[in-house]
Protein backbone atom coordinates (compact mmCIF):
# COMPACT_ATOMS: atom_id res chain seq x y z
CA MET A 1 3.68 -63.72 -52.27
CA ALA A 2 3.63 -60.53 -54.05
CA LYS A 3 7.03 -58.59 -54.12
CA LEU A 4 7.32 -55.02 -52.74
CA PRO A 5 8.61 -52.63 -55.26
CA GLU A 6 12.00 -51.66 -54.24
CA LYS A 7 12.99 -48.29 -53.67
CA THR A 8 15.52 -46.35 -56.38
CA GLY A 9 15.52 -43.06 -55.27
CA SER A 10 16.80 -43.53 -51.73
CA THR A 11 17.83 -40.23 -49.81
CA ALA A 12 20.22 -42.21 -47.42
CA PRO A 13 23.91 -41.99 -47.90
CA ARG A 14 25.62 -45.09 -49.25
CA GLN A 15 27.92 -47.20 -46.80
CA ILE A 16 31.40 -46.77 -47.35
CA ALA A 17 33.17 -50.61 -47.26
CA PRO A 18 36.01 -50.78 -44.67
CA PRO A 19 39.53 -50.99 -46.41
CA PRO A 20 40.86 -54.28 -46.72
CA LEU A 21 43.08 -55.96 -43.92
CA SER A 22 46.14 -55.48 -45.96
CA GLN A 23 45.85 -51.76 -46.49
CA HIS A 24 45.60 -52.10 -42.38
CA LEU A 25 48.83 -54.21 -42.14
CA ARG A 26 50.98 -52.08 -44.60
CA GLU A 27 50.18 -48.80 -42.63
CA LEU A 28 51.18 -50.47 -39.38
CA ALA A 29 54.55 -52.00 -40.75
CA SER A 30 55.05 -48.37 -42.01
CA ARG A 31 55.04 -46.99 -38.46
CA PRO A 32 57.45 -48.84 -36.16
CA HIS A 33 56.26 -46.91 -33.24
CA ALA A 34 52.88 -48.54 -33.84
CA TRP A 35 54.08 -51.92 -33.00
CA GLY A 36 54.83 -50.60 -29.44
CA VAL A 37 51.38 -49.00 -29.07
CA LEU A 38 49.98 -52.55 -30.27
CA ALA A 39 51.93 -54.70 -27.96
CA ARG A 40 51.09 -52.18 -24.80
CA ASN A 41 47.66 -52.29 -25.32
CA LEU A 42 47.58 -55.73 -25.47
CA ILE A 43 49.25 -56.64 -22.28
CA PRO A 44 45.75 -56.65 -20.40
CA VAL A 45 44.10 -58.66 -23.17
CA VAL A 46 47.01 -61.44 -22.51
CA GLY A 47 46.93 -61.14 -19.03
CA ILE A 48 42.87 -62.03 -19.09
CA TYR A 49 43.08 -64.72 -21.30
CA GLY A 50 46.97 -65.90 -20.72
CA PHE A 51 47.18 -65.71 -16.91
CA GLY A 52 43.59 -65.52 -15.68
CA TRP A 53 43.44 -61.92 -14.48
CA SER A 54 40.07 -60.70 -13.49
CA ALA A 55 38.50 -58.85 -16.30
CA ALA A 56 36.17 -56.94 -14.14
CA LEU A 57 39.51 -55.32 -12.31
CA ALA A 58 41.03 -54.87 -15.87
CA VAL A 59 38.11 -52.75 -16.76
CA PHE A 60 38.08 -50.81 -13.39
CA ASN A 61 41.82 -50.03 -13.50
CA TYR A 62 41.14 -48.32 -17.05
CA TRP A 63 38.24 -46.36 -15.59
CA PHE A 64 39.87 -45.28 -12.52
CA ASP A 65 42.79 -44.31 -14.16
CA GLY A 66 40.96 -42.17 -16.62
CA LEU A 67 39.12 -40.33 -13.61
CA THR A 68 42.33 -39.69 -11.72
CA ALA A 69 43.94 -38.16 -15.03
CA LEU A 70 40.52 -35.72 -15.30
CA ALA A 71 40.92 -35.22 -11.70
CA ALA A 72 44.85 -34.21 -12.05
CA ILE A 73 44.09 -32.04 -15.26
CA VAL A 74 41.23 -30.09 -13.65
CA ALA A 75 43.66 -29.59 -10.37
CA ALA A 76 46.23 -28.31 -12.57
CA LEU A 77 43.64 -25.38 -14.01
CA ILE A 78 42.14 -24.43 -10.66
CA PRO A 79 45.08 -21.89 -9.40
CA ARG A 80 44.89 -20.03 -12.99
CA ALA A 81 41.09 -19.98 -12.85
CA LEU A 82 40.92 -18.61 -9.46
CA ARG A 83 43.84 -15.92 -10.25
CA GLU A 84 42.07 -14.84 -13.29
CA THR A 85 38.48 -14.49 -11.65
CA GLN A 86 39.55 -13.04 -8.23
CA PRO A 87 38.91 -9.08 -8.50
CA LYS A 88 42.42 -6.86 -8.18
CA SER A 89 40.95 -4.68 -5.32
CA VAL A 90 40.00 -7.90 -3.71
CA GLY A 91 42.88 -9.32 -1.43
CA ALA A 92 41.87 -12.63 -0.43
CA THR A 93 43.32 -14.71 2.16
CA TRP A 94 45.20 -18.18 1.07
CA VAL A 95 42.81 -19.70 3.40
CA ALA A 96 39.75 -18.47 1.32
CA ASN A 97 41.51 -18.96 -1.70
CA LEU A 98 42.44 -22.57 -0.61
CA VAL A 99 38.49 -23.31 0.34
CA ARG A 100 37.41 -21.76 -2.84
CA GLY A 101 39.90 -23.91 -5.02
CA VAL A 102 38.74 -26.88 -3.34
CA VAL A 103 34.89 -26.34 -3.78
CA THR A 104 35.60 -25.51 -7.48
CA TRP A 105 37.70 -28.69 -7.80
CA ILE A 106 35.02 -30.91 -6.51
CA PHE A 107 32.43 -29.08 -8.67
CA LEU A 108 34.29 -29.53 -12.00
CA VAL A 109 35.32 -33.24 -11.34
CA GLY A 110 31.86 -33.44 -10.69
CA ILE A 111 30.35 -31.94 -13.85
CA VAL A 112 33.32 -32.93 -16.25
CA GLY A 113 33.80 -36.40 -14.70
CA LEU A 114 29.85 -37.36 -14.69
CA PRO A 115 29.66 -38.69 -18.16
CA TYR A 116 32.83 -40.70 -17.62
């Protein structure tokens, strides 16, 4: 079989090699709080493999926790958004503000949470 000529003038960037494991361990040892983060994140792994927890339920819990956190952050932003967008001359009732806030919250959680 004939060999194909090799390209020498490639414009693709050269791939950077990952750091060695010893560097990762040195950086982990230099940050004591990193051990707590590592242990906290290993709880579901140990639970799934060691205690027979449901992997699907663990994934669902992570997803649901993130979605509720997103909904809470949006809910915290709604009062200020309503206050800043309402004209000074118009005095809206608290019922109208509540309805406007709920509709805005549902819309924003739907739009911002869509990729989630």
